[in-house]
Amino acid sequence: MSRPPTVLEYLIEQDFLPQREGAWSDRRIGQAVIRVVYEPGEEAELTCLAPAGVCQYKIAFSPGTPHAVTIAAVEAALTPPGPSARP
């Protein structure tokens, strides 16, 4: 049985590109950028930046947050929104 991936392993698998010597990793989705700041044992951040660097949202994860929770949040950020439920 294999172990689940760590956050860093997941980011590499999902083609996130390290920036500034690994301080954060970015992945472009459409015109937005998903940025993950992650250092083991430190607070992690997930940010969605719109064009021109405008922050659409930012989520902070306290140290000790399970890898699966952080990975699930990144997966949700990478998933395009479905059709609107509005009529």
N, C-alpha and C. Protein backbone atom coordinates (compact mmCIF):
# COMPACT_ATOMS: atom_id res chain seq x y z
N MET A 1 0.85 -1.18 0.00
CA MET A 1 0.00 0.00 0.00
C MET A 1 0.90 1.24 0.00
N SER A 2 0.61 2.17 -0.88
CA SER A 2 1.43 3.38 -0.95
C SER A 2 0.86 4.46 -0.03
N ARG A 3 1.74 5.32 0.40
CA ARG A 3 1.31 6.42 1.27
C ARG A 3 0.76 7.56 0.42
N PRO A 4 -0.12 8.39 0.99
CA PRO A 4 -0.63 9.53 0.23
C PRO A 4 0.50 10.55 0.01
N PRO A 5 0.39 11.37 -1.03
CA PRO A 5 1.46 12.34 -1.32
C PRO A 5 1.50 13.45 -0.28
N THR A 6 2.68 14.02 -0.11
CA THR A 6 2.80 15.23 0.70
C THR A 6 2.33 16.41 -0.16
N VAL A 7 2.17 17.56 0.44
CA VAL A 7 1.74 18.74 -0.31
C VAL A 7 2.77 19.05 -1.40
N LEU A 8 4.05 19.02 -1.08
CA LEU A 8 5.07 19.33 -2.08
C LEU A 8 5.06 18.33 -3.22
N GLU A 9 4.89 17.05 -2.92
CA GLU A 9 4.82 16.04 -3.98
C GLU A 9 3.60 16.29 -4.87
N TYR A 10 2.49 16.63 -4.27
CA TYR A 10 1.27 16.91 -5.03
C TYR A 10 1.48 18.11 -5.96
N LEU A 11 2.09 19.18 -5.44
CA LEU A 11 2.30 20.38 -6.26
C LEU A 11 3.17 20.05 -7.47
N ILE A 12 4.20 19.24 -7.27
CA ILE A 12 5.07 18.84 -8.39
C ILE A 12 4.27 18.02 -9.40
N GLU A 13 3.45 17.08 -8.93
CA GLU A 13 2.63 16.26 -9.83
C GLU A 13 1.66 17.11 -10.64
N GLN A 14 1.20 18.22 -10.07
CA GLN A 14 0.21 19.08 -10.73
C GLN A 14 0.84 20.21 -11.54
N ASP A 15 2.14 20.12 -11.78
CA ASP A 15 2.86 21.07 -12.63
C ASP A 15 2.93 22.49 -12.07
N PHE A 16 2.91 22.63 -10.76
CA PHE A 16 3.16 23.95 -10.18
C PHE A 16 4.63 24.28 -10.38
N LEU A 17 4.92 25.53 -10.69
CA LEU A 17 6.29 25.96 -10.93
C LEU A 17 6.81 26.73 -9.72
N PRO A 18 7.92 26.26 -9.14
CA PRO A 18 8.49 26.98 -8.00
C PRO A 18 8.95 28.38 -8.42
N GLN A 19 8.74 29.34 -7.57
CA GLN A 19 9.15 30.72 -7.80
C GLN A 19 10.08 31.15 -6.68
N ARG A 20 10.97 32.05 -6.95
CA ARG A 20 11.89 32.61 -5.93
C ARG A 20 12.47 31.53 -5.02
N GLU A 21 13.23 30.65 -5.59
CA GLU A 21 13.93 29.62 -4.83
C GLU A 21 12.98 28.78 -3.96
N GLY A 22 11.79 28.49 -4.48
CA GLY A 22 10.87 27.60 -3.79
C GLY A 22 10.03 28.25 -2.70
N ALA A 23 10.08 29.58 -2.59
CA ALA A 23 9.27 30.25 -1.56
C ALA A 23 7.78 30.02 -1.82
N TRP A 24 7.39 29.92 -3.07
CA TRP A 24 6.00 29.62 -3.41
C TRP A 24 5.99 28.93 -4.78
N SER A 25 4.84 28.35 -5.11
CA SER A 25 4.67 27.67 -6.39
C SER A 25 3.41 28.20 -7.06
N ASP A 26 3.51 28.43 -8.36
CA ASP A 26 2.39 28.98 -9.13
C ASP A 26 1.94 28.00 -10.21
N ARG A 27 0.66 28.10 -10.53
CA ARG A 27 0.12 27.40 -11.70
C ARG A 27 -0.96 28.28 -12.30
N ARG A 28 -0.83 28.54 -13.59
CA ARG A 28 -1.81 29.36 -14.30
C ARG A 28 -3.00 28.50 -14.68
N ILE A 29 -4.20 29.01 -14.42
CA ILE A 29 -5.44 28.38 -14.88
C ILE A 29 -6.26 29.48 -15.55
N GLY A 30 -6.37 29.39 -16.85
CA GLY A 30 -7.04 30.47 -17.59
C GLY A 30 -6.23 31.75 -17.42
N GLN A 31 -6.90 32.82 -17.01
CA GLN A 31 -6.21 34.09 -16.80
C GLN A 31 -5.78 34.28 -15.34
N ALA A 32 -6.15 33.36 -14.48
CA ALA A 32 -5.79 33.46 -13.06
C ALA A 32 -4.54 32.63 -12.75
N VAL A 33 -3.96 32.89 -11.60
CA VAL A 33 -2.81 32.12 -11.12
C VAL A 33 -3.17 31.59 -9.74
N ILE A 34 -2.98 30.29 -9.55
CA ILE A 34 -3.13 29.68 -8.23
C ILE A 34 -1.73 29.65 -7.62
N ARG A 35 -1.56 30.26 -6.47
CA ARG A 35 -0.27 30.31 -5.79
C ARG A 35 -0.37 29.57 -4.46
N VAL A 36 0.58 28.70 -4.21
CA VAL A 36 0.64 27.97 -2.95
C VAL A 36 1.98 28.28 -2.29
N VAL A 37 1.91 28.81 -1.08
CA VAL A 37 3.10 29.05 -0.28
C VAL A 37 3.12 27.93 0.75
N TYR A 38 4.17 27.11 0.70
CA TYR A 38 4.21 25.96 1.59
C TYR A 38 5.64 25.67 2.01
N GLU A 39 5.84 25.63 3.29
CA GLU A 39 7.10 25.22 3.89
C GLU A 39 6.73 24.28 5.03
N PRO A 40 7.19 23.02 5.00
CA PRO A 40 6.80 22.08 6.05
C PRO A 40 7.00 22.67 7.45
N GLY A 41 5.96 22.51 8.29
CA GLY A 41 6.02 23.01 9.66
C GLY A 41 5.62 24.46 9.82
N GLU A 42 5.33 25.14 8.72
CA GLU A 42 4.93 26.55 8.74
C GLU A 42 3.48 26.67 8.26
N GLU A 43 2.90 27.86 8.45
CA GLU A 43 1.57 28.13 7.91
C GLU A 43 1.63 28.06 6.39
N ALA A 44 0.63 27.41 5.78
CA ALA A 44 0.54 27.34 4.32
C ALA A 44 -0.53 28.31 3.85
N GLU A 45 -0.37 28.84 2.63
CA GLU A 45 -1.35 29.75 2.05
C GLU A 45 -1.69 29.31 0.64
N LEU A 46 -2.96 29.42 0.30
CA LEU A 46 -3.46 29.17 -1.04
C LEU A 46 -4.11 30.47 -1.50
N THR A 47 -3.63 31.01 -2.61
CA THR A 47 -4.13 32.30 -3.10
C THR A 47 -4.49 32.16 -4.57
N CYS A 48 -5.59 32.80 -4.96
CA CYS A 48 -5.97 32.89 -6.36
C CYS A 48 -5.80 34.34 -6.79
N LEU A 49 -4.93 34.55 -7.77
CA LEU A 49 -4.65 35.89 -8.28
C LEU A 49 -5.26 36.05 -9.66
N ALA A 50 -6.06 37.08 -9.81
CA ALA A 50 -6.65 37.41 -11.11
C ALA A 50 -5.61 38.19 -11.92
N PRO A 51 -5.92 38.50 -13.17
CA PRO A 51 -4.99 39.31 -13.96
C PRO A 51 -4.61 40.59 -13.20
N ALA A 52 -3.41 41.04 -13.43
CA ALA A 52 -2.84 42.23 -12.78
C ALA A 52 -2.57 41.98 -11.30
N GLY A 53 -2.54 40.72 -10.87
CA GLY A 53 -2.17 40.40 -9.49
C GLY A 53 -3.23 40.69 -8.45
N VAL A 54 -4.47 40.91 -8.86
CA VAL A 54 -5.55 41.19 -7.91
C VAL A 54 -5.92 39.88 -7.19
N CYS A 55 -5.96 39.91 -5.87
CA CYS A 55 -6.28 38.72 -5.09
C CYS A 55 -7.78 38.45 -5.13
N GLN A 56 -8.16 37.28 -5.66
CA GLN A 56 -9.56 36.88 -5.66
C GLN A 56 -9.93 36.25 -4.33
N TYR A 57 -9.02 35.42 -3.78
CA TYR A 57 -9.23 34.85 -2.46
C TYR A 57 -7.90 34.33 -1.93
N LYS A 58 -7.85 34.19 -0.61
CA LYS A 58 -6.66 33.67 0.06
C LYS A 58 -7.12 32.81 1.23
N ILE A 59 -6.53 31.62 1.35
CA ILE A 59 -6.85 30.70 2.44
C ILE A 59 -5.56 30.40 3.18
N ALA A 60 -5.58 30.48 4.50
CA ALA A 60 -4.41 30.15 5.31
C ALA A 60 -4.68 28.86 6.07
N PHE A 61 -3.68 27.99 6.11
CA PHE A 61 -3.75 26.72 6.82
C PHE A 61 -2.73 26.75 7.94
N SER A 62 -3.17 26.46 9.15
CA SER A 62 -2.25 26.49 10.29
C SER A 62 -1.27 25.33 10.20
N PRO A 63 -0.10 25.48 10.84
CA PRO A 63 0.84 24.36 10.87
C PRO A 63 0.15 23.13 11.46
N GLY A 64 0.43 22.00 10.92
CA GLY A 64 -0.19 20.77 11.40
C GLY A 64 -1.46 20.39 10.66
N THR A 65 -1.93 21.26 9.76
CA THR A 65 -3.10 20.89 8.95
C THR A 65 -2.73 19.64 8.14
N PRO A 66 -3.57 18.61 8.15
CA PRO A 66 -3.24 17.40 7.39
C PRO A 66 -3.01 17.71 5.91
N HIS A 67 -2.05 17.00 5.33
CA HIS A 67 -1.74 17.19 3.91
C HIS A 67 -2.99 17.02 3.06
N ALA A 68 -3.84 16.04 3.40
CA ALA A 68 -5.04 15.76 2.60
C ALA A 68 -5.97 16.97 2.55
N VAL A 69 -6.05 17.73 3.62
CA VAL A 69 -6.93 18.91 3.66
C VAL A 69 -6.37 20.00 2.73
N THR A 70 -5.08 20.26 2.83
CA THR A 70 -4.45 21.27 1.97
C THR A 70 -4.55 20.85 0.51
N ILE A 71 -4.30 19.58 0.22
CA ILE A 71 -4.38 19.08 -1.16
C ILE A 71 -5.80 19.20 -1.69
N ALA A 72 -6.80 18.88 -0.89
CA ALA A 72 -8.20 18.99 -1.33
C ALA A 72 -8.54 20.44 -1.68
N ALA A 73 -8.03 21.39 -0.91
CA ALA A 73 -8.28 22.81 -1.20
C ALA A 73 -7.62 23.22 -2.51
N VAL A 74 -6.40 22.75 -2.75
CA VAL A 74 -5.72 23.05 -4.02
C VAL A 74 -6.49 22.42 -5.17
N GLU A 75 -6.93 21.17 -5.01
CA GLU A 75 -7.72 20.51 -6.06
C GLU A 75 -8.98 21.31 -6.38
N ALA A 76 -9.65 21.80 -5.35
CA ALA A 76 -10.86 22.60 -5.57
C ALA A 76 -10.53 23.88 -6.32
N ALA A 77 -9.41 24.50 -5.99
CA ALA A 77 -9.02 25.74 -6.67
C ALA A 77 -8.70 25.48 -8.14
N LEU A 78 -8.18 24.30 -8.45
CA LEU A 78 -7.82 23.97 -9.83
C LEU A 78 -9.01 23.53 -10.66
N THR A 79 -10.12 23.20 -10.01
CA THR A 79 -11.30 22.71 -10.72
C THR A 79 -12.11 23.89 -11.24
N PRO A 80 -12.34 23.93 -12.56
CA PRO A 80 -13.13 25.04 -13.09
C PRO A 80 -14.55 25.01 -12.53
N PRO A 81 -15.14 26.17 -12.34
CA PRO A 81 -16.51 26.20 -11.83
C PRO A 81 -17.46 25.54 -12.81
N GLY A 82 -18.46 24.88 -12.27
CA GLY A 82 -19.47 24.24 -13.10
C GLY A 82 -20.47 25.27 -13.61
N PRO A 83 -21.45 24.82 -14.34
CA PRO A 83 -22.46 25.75 -14.84
C PRO A 83 -23.21 26.39 -13.68
N SER A 84 -23.57 27.60 -13.85
CA SER A 84 -24.29 28.34 -12.80
C SER A 84 -25.67 27.75 -12.59
N ALA A 85 -26.11 27.75 -11.34
CA ALA A 85 -27.45 27.26 -11.02
C ALA A 85 -28.51 28.33 -11.23
N ARG A 86 -28.08 29.52 -11.58
CA ARG A 86 -29.04 30.61 -11.79
C ARG A 86 -29.84 30.38 -13.08
N PRO A 87 -31.11 30.78 -13.06
CA PRO A 87 -31.92 30.61 -14.29
C PRO A 87 -31.51 31.58 -15.37
